[in-house]
Amino acid sequence: QVQLVESGGGLVQAGGSLRLSCAASRSIFSFNAMGWYRQAPGKQRELVATITSTSRPNYADSVKGRFTISTDNAKNMVYLQLNSLKPEDTAVYYCNAHLVLVGPSVRDYWGQGTQVTVSS
């Protein structure tokens, strides 16, 4: 079993910054990709950013140029730097570990989420 534990959420004013952290219970090299998703009240969970095992990042259009995903492989950590925050960024942010299995099939692991609230 894999455990992902997020931290770093909070309340911030529009234009401010936060840094989210995700601690994985095993080597993140064992996954095909790590990522961050978010879910706002009444909305579906959506992709924010992912990074592959070869360090290729991918961002949702809504966060390009403002958010940065990174990893510390030695510490099994994944980070999401959130800059120039907007009220519409308010959501619960979830860490994800994505694994492609033989078959093919996929397996996704999720953290418990961390709340980000941006006030106007």
C-alpha atoms as a PDB file:
ATOM      1  CA  GLN A   1       0.000   0.000   0.000  1.00  0.00           C
ATOM      2  CA  VAL A   2       1.125   3.538  -0.719  1.00  0.00           C
ATOM      3  CA  GLN A   3       0.558   6.502   1.541  1.00  0.00           C
ATOM      4  CA  LEU A   4       0.622  10.085   0.330  1.00  0.00           C
ATOM      5  CA  VAL A   5       0.483  12.863   2.888  1.00  0.00           C
ATOM      6  CA  GLU A   6      -0.078  16.450   1.808  1.00  0.00           C
ATOM      7  CA  SER A   7       0.725  19.577   3.762  1.00  0.00           C
ATOM      8  CA  GLY A   8       1.130  23.291   3.213  1.00  0.00           C
ATOM      9  CA  GLY A   9      -2.407  24.423   2.508  1.00  0.00           C
ATOM     10  CA  GLY A  10      -3.953  27.445   4.154  1.00  0.00           C
ATOM     11  CA  LEU A  11      -5.646  30.785   3.755  1.00  0.00           C
ATOM     12  CA  VAL A  12      -3.950  33.382   1.589  1.00  0.00           C
ATOM     13  CA  GLN A  13      -4.933  36.646  -0.053  1.00  0.00           C
ATOM     14  CA  ALA A  14      -5.247  36.965  -3.790  1.00  0.00           C
ATOM     15  CA  GLY A  15      -1.841  37.471  -5.344  1.00  0.00           C
ATOM     16  CA  GLY A  16      -0.144  35.520  -2.597  1.00  0.00           C
ATOM     17  CA  SER A  17       1.815  32.273  -2.658  1.00  0.00           C
ATOM     18  CA  LEU A  18       1.771  28.862  -1.044  1.00  0.00           C
ATOM     19  CA  ARG A  19       3.905  25.767  -1.313  1.00  0.00           C
ATOM     20  CA  LEU A  20       2.238  22.388  -1.061  1.00  0.00           C
ATOM     21  CA  SER A  21       4.207  19.296  -0.138  1.00  0.00           C
ATOM     22  CA  CYS A  22       3.422  15.617  -0.617  1.00  0.00           C
ATOM     23  CA  ALA A  23       5.349  12.917   1.204  1.00  0.00           C
ATOM     24  CA  ALA A  24       5.224   9.442  -0.365  1.00  0.00           C
ATOM     25  CA  SER A  25       5.745   6.276   1.667  1.00  0.00           C
ATOM     26  CA  ARG A  26       7.941   4.730  -1.021  1.00  0.00           C
ATOM     27  CA  SER A  27      10.216   5.817  -3.825  1.00  0.00           C
ATOM     28  CA  ILE A  28       8.453   8.070  -6.294  1.00  0.00           C
ATOM     29  CA  PHE A  29      10.659   6.515  -8.979  1.00  0.00           C
ATOM     30  CA  SER A  30       8.382   3.480  -8.713  1.00  0.00           C
ATOM     31  CA  PHE A  31       5.535   5.501 -10.257  1.00  0.00           C
ATOM     32  CA  ASN A  32       5.100   6.580 -13.855  1.00  0.00           C
ATOM     33  CA  ALA A  33       3.973  10.030 -12.775  1.00  0.00           C
ATOM     34  CA  MET A  34       3.197  12.119  -9.738  1.00  0.00           C
ATOM     35  CA  GLY A  35       0.676  14.884  -9.759  1.00  0.00           C
ATOM     36  CA  TRP A  36      -1.572  17.385  -8.083  1.00  0.00           C
ATOM     37  CA  TYR A  37      -5.310  17.599  -8.582  1.00  0.00           C
ATOM     38  CA  ARG A  38      -7.886  19.842  -7.004  1.00  0.00           C
ATOM     39  CA  GLN A  39     -11.582  19.811  -6.265  1.00  0.00           C
ATOM     40  CA  ALA A  40     -13.638  22.892  -5.557  1.00  0.00           C
ATOM     41  CA  PRO A  41     -17.067  22.681  -3.884  1.00  0.00           C
ATOM     42  CA  GLY A  42     -19.679  21.424  -6.303  1.00  0.00           C
ATOM     43  CA  LYS A  43     -17.118  20.678  -8.997  1.00  0.00           C
ATOM     44  CA  GLN A  44     -15.336  17.614 -10.258  1.00  0.00           C
ATOM     45  CA  ARG A  45     -11.758  16.873  -9.386  1.00  0.00           C
ATOM     46  CA  GLU A  46      -9.445  18.353 -12.006  1.00  0.00           C
ATOM     47  CA  LEU A  47      -5.819  18.008 -12.959  1.00  0.00           C
ATOM     48  CA  VAL A  48      -3.533  20.822 -11.851  1.00  0.00           C
ATOM     49  CA  ALA A  49      -0.068  19.537 -12.693  1.00  0.00           C
ATOM     50  CA  THR A  50       1.780  16.283 -13.250  1.00  0.00           C
ATOM     51  CA  ILE A  51       5.393  15.306 -13.577  1.00  0.00           C
ATOM     52  CA  THR A  52       6.657  12.100 -15.119  1.00  0.00           C
ATOM     53  CA  SER A  53       9.411   9.856 -13.837  1.00  0.00           C
ATOM     54  CA  THR A  54      11.641  11.542 -16.445  1.00  0.00           C
ATOM     55  CA  SER A  55      10.795  14.962 -14.914  1.00  0.00           C
ATOM     56  CA  ARG A  56       8.524  16.136 -17.699  1.00  0.00           C
ATOM     57  CA  PRO A  57       5.916  18.537 -16.270  1.00  0.00           C
ATOM     58  CA  ASN A  58       2.423  19.147 -17.533  1.00  0.00           C
ATOM     59  CA  TYR A  59       0.069  21.892 -16.377  1.00  0.00           C
ATOM     60  CA  ALA A  60      -3.557  22.769 -16.688  1.00  0.00           C
ATOM     61  CA  ASP A  61      -3.992  25.888 -18.813  1.00  0.00           C
ATOM     62  CA  SER A  62      -5.521  27.711 -15.868  1.00  0.00           C
ATOM     63  CA  VAL A  63      -2.311  27.469 -13.813  1.00  0.00           C
ATOM     64  CA  LYS A  64       0.411  27.717 -16.460  1.00  0.00           C
ATOM     65  CA  GLY A  65       2.941  30.353 -15.559  1.00  0.00           C
ATOM     66  CA  ARG A  66       1.714  30.539 -11.963  1.00  0.00           C
ATOM     67  CA  PHE A  67       2.205  27.046 -10.510  1.00  0.00           C
ATOM     68  CA  THR A  68       5.317  24.889 -10.574  1.00  0.00           C
ATOM     69  CA  ILE A  69       5.527  21.178  -9.818  1.00  0.00           C
ATOM     70  CA  SER A  70       8.795  19.667  -8.654  1.00  0.00           C
ATOM     71  CA  THR A  71      10.176  16.609  -6.912  1.00  0.00           C
ATOM     72  CA  ASP A  72      12.907  15.668  -4.483  1.00  0.00           C
ATOM     73  CA  ASN A  73      13.515  12.049  -5.387  1.00  0.00           C
ATOM     74  CA  ALA A  74      15.927  11.438  -2.522  1.00  0.00           C
ATOM     75  CA  LYS A  75      13.222  12.432  -0.024  1.00  0.00           C
ATOM     76  CA  ASN A  76      10.271  10.954  -1.940  1.00  0.00           C
ATOM     77  CA  MET A  77       8.642  14.365  -1.980  1.00  0.00           C
ATOM     78  CA  VAL A  78       6.513  16.182  -4.529  1.00  0.00           C
ATOM     79  CA  TYR A  79       5.930  19.921  -4.335  1.00  0.00           C
ATOM     80  CA  LEU A  80       3.566  22.387  -5.880  1.00  0.00           C
ATOM     81  CA  GLN A  81       4.525  26.048  -5.746  1.00  0.00           C
ATOM     82  CA  LEU A  82       1.463  28.235  -6.120  1.00  0.00           C
ATOM     83  CA  ASN A  83       2.106  31.864  -7.068  1.00  0.00           C
ATOM     84  CA  SER A  84      -0.194  34.721  -8.060  1.00  0.00           C
ATOM     85  CA  LEU A  85      -3.094  32.930  -6.440  1.00  0.00           C
ATOM     86  CA  LYS A  86      -6.645  33.781  -7.444  1.00  0.00           C
ATOM     87  CA  PRO A  87      -9.922  33.190  -5.606  1.00  0.00           C
ATOM     88  CA  GLU A  88     -10.801  30.586  -8.242  1.00  0.00           C
ATOM     89  CA  ASP A  89      -7.814  28.525  -7.095  1.00  0.00           C
ATOM     90  CA  THR A  90      -9.697  27.808  -3.880  1.00  0.00           C
ATOM     91  CA  ALA A  91     -10.084  24.029  -3.573  1.00  0.00           C
ATOM     92  CA  VAL A  92      -8.898  20.922  -1.813  1.00  0.00           C
ATOM     93  CA  TYR A  93      -5.615  19.904  -3.413  1.00  0.00           C
ATOM     94  CA  TYR A  94      -4.800  16.215  -3.686  1.00  0.00           C
ATOM     95  CA  CYS A  95      -1.504  14.507  -4.334  1.00  0.00           C
ATOM     96  CA  ASN A  96      -1.613  11.633  -6.818  1.00  0.00           C
ATOM     97  CA  ALA A  97       0.712   8.781  -7.684  1.00  0.00           C
ATOM     98  CA  HIS A  98       0.027   7.132 -11.047  1.00  0.00           C
ATOM     99  CA  LEU A  99       1.190   3.643 -11.920  1.00  0.00           C
ATOM    100  CA  VAL A 100       0.843   1.909 -15.262  1.00  0.00           C
ATOM    101  CA  LEU A 101       0.658  -1.861 -14.868  1.00  0.00           C
ATOM    102  CA  VAL A 102       1.090  -4.751 -17.251  1.00  0.00           C
ATOM    103  CA  GLY A 103      -2.224  -5.501 -18.927  1.00  0.00           C
ATOM    104  CA  PRO A 104      -2.449  -2.635 -19.493  1.00  0.00           C
ATOM    105  CA  SER A 105      -4.122  -1.212 -16.484  1.00  0.00           C
ATOM    106  CA  VAL A 106      -3.489   1.719 -14.211  1.00  0.00           C
ATOM    107  CA  ARG A 107      -3.543   2.295 -10.503  1.00  0.00           C
ATOM    108  CA  ASP A 108      -3.892   5.644  -8.826  1.00  0.00           C
ATOM    109  CA  TYR A 109      -3.104   6.483  -5.243  1.00  0.00           C
ATOM    110  CA  TRP A 110      -4.413   9.593  -3.480  1.00  0.00           C
ATOM    111  CA  GLY A 111      -3.599  11.605  -0.430  1.00  0.00           C
ATOM    112  CA  GLN A 112      -6.188  12.947   1.968  1.00  0.00           C
ATOM    113  CA  GLY A 113      -6.041  16.454   0.531  1.00  0.00           C
ATOM    114  CA  THR A 114      -5.075  19.878   1.807  1.00  0.00           C
ATOM    115  CA  GLN A 115      -7.330  22.929   1.708  1.00  0.00           C
ATOM    116  CA  VAL A 116      -6.239  26.043  -0.152  1.00  0.00           C
ATOM    117  CA  THR A 117      -8.425  29.101   0.312  1.00  0.00           C
ATOM    118  CA  VAL A 118      -7.726  32.329  -1.563  1.00  0.00           C
ATOM    119  CA  SER A 119      -9.532  35.444  -0.374  1.00  0.00           C
ATOM    120  CA  SER A 120     -10.252  38.375  -2.649  1.00  0.00           C
END
